[in-house]
Each structure stands twice: as C-alpha cells, then as structure tokens.
Amino acid sequence: MDAISSSSSRSSRGDESPLPDSHIIEMTNTDGSPNLDMMLVYMETIKDEIRLLERNHDELQSAHQKRKK
C-alpha cells in the first residue's frame, strides 16, 4: 500500500520520469497502392476459400441427413 501512495504522490509532484520512446508509431509513405491491391487480391482468395468450405459443409451435412434416414 505504501508503494501505491508513494507513486501517486510522486506523479502528483511531477517527479515521475516520462515514458520511453518505444511506443512511437511512425507513418510511412501513403502512396502504397500496390499493398492495397495485394490485400484486396488476398481478401478475394479468402472469400473463394470460404465459399468452397461452405459448399463442402453443405454437402457433408446433406450426406449426413440422407444417411440418418
């Protein structure tokens, strides 16, 4: 409890050192349209794979229902 009260009193007096610069985010050049194009192609590929998985799921579910009858 003493550590909490001493740290809060230090911060209220301004004795606490600033945070290190390890959390700085730098922006890069924003004309990276090839990266956007690659991302869109990747997303379309994923959507195609999801459609295939959904079709396989539907076929398996249908086959399972037929077998139960």
C-alpha atoms as a PDB file:
ATOM      1  CA  MET A   1       0.000   0.000   0.000  1.00  0.00           C
ATOM      2  CA  ASP A   2       2.918   2.324   0.733  1.00  0.00           C
ATOM      3  CA  ALA A   3       4.236   1.809  -2.812  1.00  0.00           C
ATOM      4  CA  ILE A   4       0.902   2.886  -4.261  1.00  0.00           C
ATOM      5  CA  SER A   5       0.688   6.015  -2.149  1.00  0.00           C
ATOM      6  CA  SER A   6       4.323   6.959  -2.782  1.00  0.00           C
ATOM      7  CA  SER A   7       3.982   6.509  -6.551  1.00  0.00           C
ATOM      8  CA  SER A   8       0.789   8.548  -6.621  1.00  0.00           C
ATOM      9  CA  SER A   9       2.425  11.323  -4.607  1.00  0.00           C
ATOM     10  CA  ARG A  10       5.441  11.326  -6.955  1.00  0.00           C
ATOM     11  CA  SER A  11       3.223  11.602 -10.023  1.00  0.00           C
ATOM     12  CA  SER A  12       1.245  14.431  -8.472  1.00  0.00           C
ATOM     13  CA  ARG A  13       4.508  16.328  -7.866  1.00  0.00           C
ATOM     14  CA  GLY A  14       5.806  15.584 -11.355  1.00  0.00           C
ATOM     15  CA  ASP A  15       8.827  13.562 -10.170  1.00  0.00           C
ATOM     16  CA  GLU A  16       7.953  10.603 -12.390  1.00  0.00           C
ATOM     17  CA  SER A  17      10.174  10.131 -15.455  1.00  0.00           C
ATOM     18  CA  PRO A  18       8.496  10.247 -18.882  1.00  0.00           C
ATOM     19  CA  LEU A  19       7.629   7.053 -20.735  1.00  0.00           C
ATOM     20  CA  PRO A  20      10.311   5.647 -23.040  1.00  0.00           C
ATOM     21  CA  ASP A  21      10.051   6.305 -26.776  1.00  0.00           C
ATOM     22  CA  SER A  22       9.466   2.607 -27.506  1.00  0.00           C
ATOM     23  CA  HIS A  23       5.783   3.212 -28.229  1.00  0.00           C
ATOM     24  CA  ILE A  24       6.206   5.705 -31.070  1.00  0.00           C
ATOM     25  CA  ILE A  25       4.325   4.848 -34.251  1.00  0.00           C
ATOM     26  CA  GLU A  26       5.769   6.217 -37.463  1.00  0.00           C
ATOM     27  CA  MET A  27       3.717   6.722 -40.596  1.00  0.00           C
ATOM     28  CA  THR A  28       5.261   5.637 -43.870  1.00  0.00           C
ATOM     29  CA  ASN A  29       4.615   6.997 -47.324  1.00  0.00           C
ATOM     30  CA  THR A  30       0.896   6.554 -48.028  1.00  0.00           C
ATOM     31  CA  ASP A  31       1.149   6.018 -51.768  1.00  0.00           C
ATOM     32  CA  GLY A  32       1.423   2.273 -51.182  1.00  0.00           C
ATOM     33  CA  SER A  33      -1.413   1.316 -53.519  1.00  0.00           C
ATOM     34  CA  PRO A  34       0.303  -1.970 -54.525  1.00  0.00           C
ATOM     35  CA  ASN A  35      -0.075  -3.052 -50.908  1.00  0.00           C
ATOM     36  CA  LEU A  36      -3.790  -2.246 -51.074  1.00  0.00           C
ATOM     37  CA  ASP A  37      -4.112  -4.153 -54.344  1.00  0.00           C
ATOM     38  CA  MET A  38      -2.345  -7.161 -52.827  1.00  0.00           C
ATOM     39  CA  MET A  39      -4.616  -7.020 -49.798  1.00  0.00           C
ATOM     40  CA  LEU A  40      -7.728  -6.961 -51.998  1.00  0.00           C
ATOM     41  CA  VAL A  41      -6.481  -9.943 -54.022  1.00  0.00           C
ATOM     42  CA  TYR A  42      -5.755 -11.780 -50.778  1.00  0.00           C
ATOM     43  CA  MET A  43      -9.242 -10.977 -49.481  1.00  0.00           C
ATOM     44  CA  GLU A  44     -10.849 -12.299 -52.665  1.00  0.00           C
ATOM     45  CA  THR A  45      -8.827 -15.504 -52.356  1.00  0.00           C
ATOM     46  CA  ILE A  46     -10.023 -15.926 -48.777  1.00  0.00           C
ATOM     47  CA  LYS A  47     -13.637 -15.295 -49.817  1.00  0.00           C
ATOM     48  CA  ASP A  48     -13.312 -18.000 -52.503  1.00  0.00           C
ATOM     49  CA  GLU A  49     -11.899 -20.433 -49.959  1.00  0.00           C
ATOM     50  CA  ILE A  50     -14.742 -19.670 -47.551  1.00  0.00           C
ATOM     51  CA  ARG A  51     -17.309 -20.302 -50.297  1.00  0.00           C
ATOM     52  CA  LEU A  52     -15.643 -23.665 -51.024  1.00  0.00           C
ATOM     53  CA  LEU A  53     -15.680 -24.575 -47.329  1.00  0.00           C
ATOM     54  CA  GLU A  54     -19.345 -23.615 -47.047  1.00  0.00           C
ATOM     55  CA  ARG A  55     -20.212 -25.733 -50.090  1.00  0.00           C
ATOM     56  CA  ASN A  56     -18.283 -28.695 -48.641  1.00  0.00           C
ATOM     57  CA  HIS A  57     -20.054 -28.210 -45.325  1.00  0.00           C
ATOM     58  CA  ASP A  58     -23.453 -28.170 -47.012  1.00  0.00           C
ATOM     59  CA  GLU A  59     -22.630 -31.334 -48.970  1.00  0.00           C
ATOM     60  CA  LEU A  60     -21.415 -33.137 -45.859  1.00  0.00           C
ATOM     61  CA  GLN A  61     -24.463 -32.048 -43.901  1.00  0.00           C
ATOM     62  CA  SER A  62     -26.761 -33.217 -46.699  1.00  0.00           C
ATOM     63  CA  ALA A  63     -24.987 -36.587 -46.923  1.00  0.00           C
ATOM     64  CA  HIS A  64     -25.258 -36.958 -43.156  1.00  0.00           C
ATOM     65  CA  GLN A  65     -29.003 -36.226 -43.219  1.00  0.00           C
ATOM     66  CA  LYS A  66     -29.536 -38.759 -46.027  1.00  0.00           C
ATOM     67  CA  ARG A  67     -27.629 -41.408 -44.126  1.00  0.00           C
ATOM     68  CA  LYS A  68     -29.727 -40.850 -40.999  1.00  0.00           C
ATOM     69  CA  LYS A  69     -32.950 -41.678 -42.904  1.00  0.00           C
END
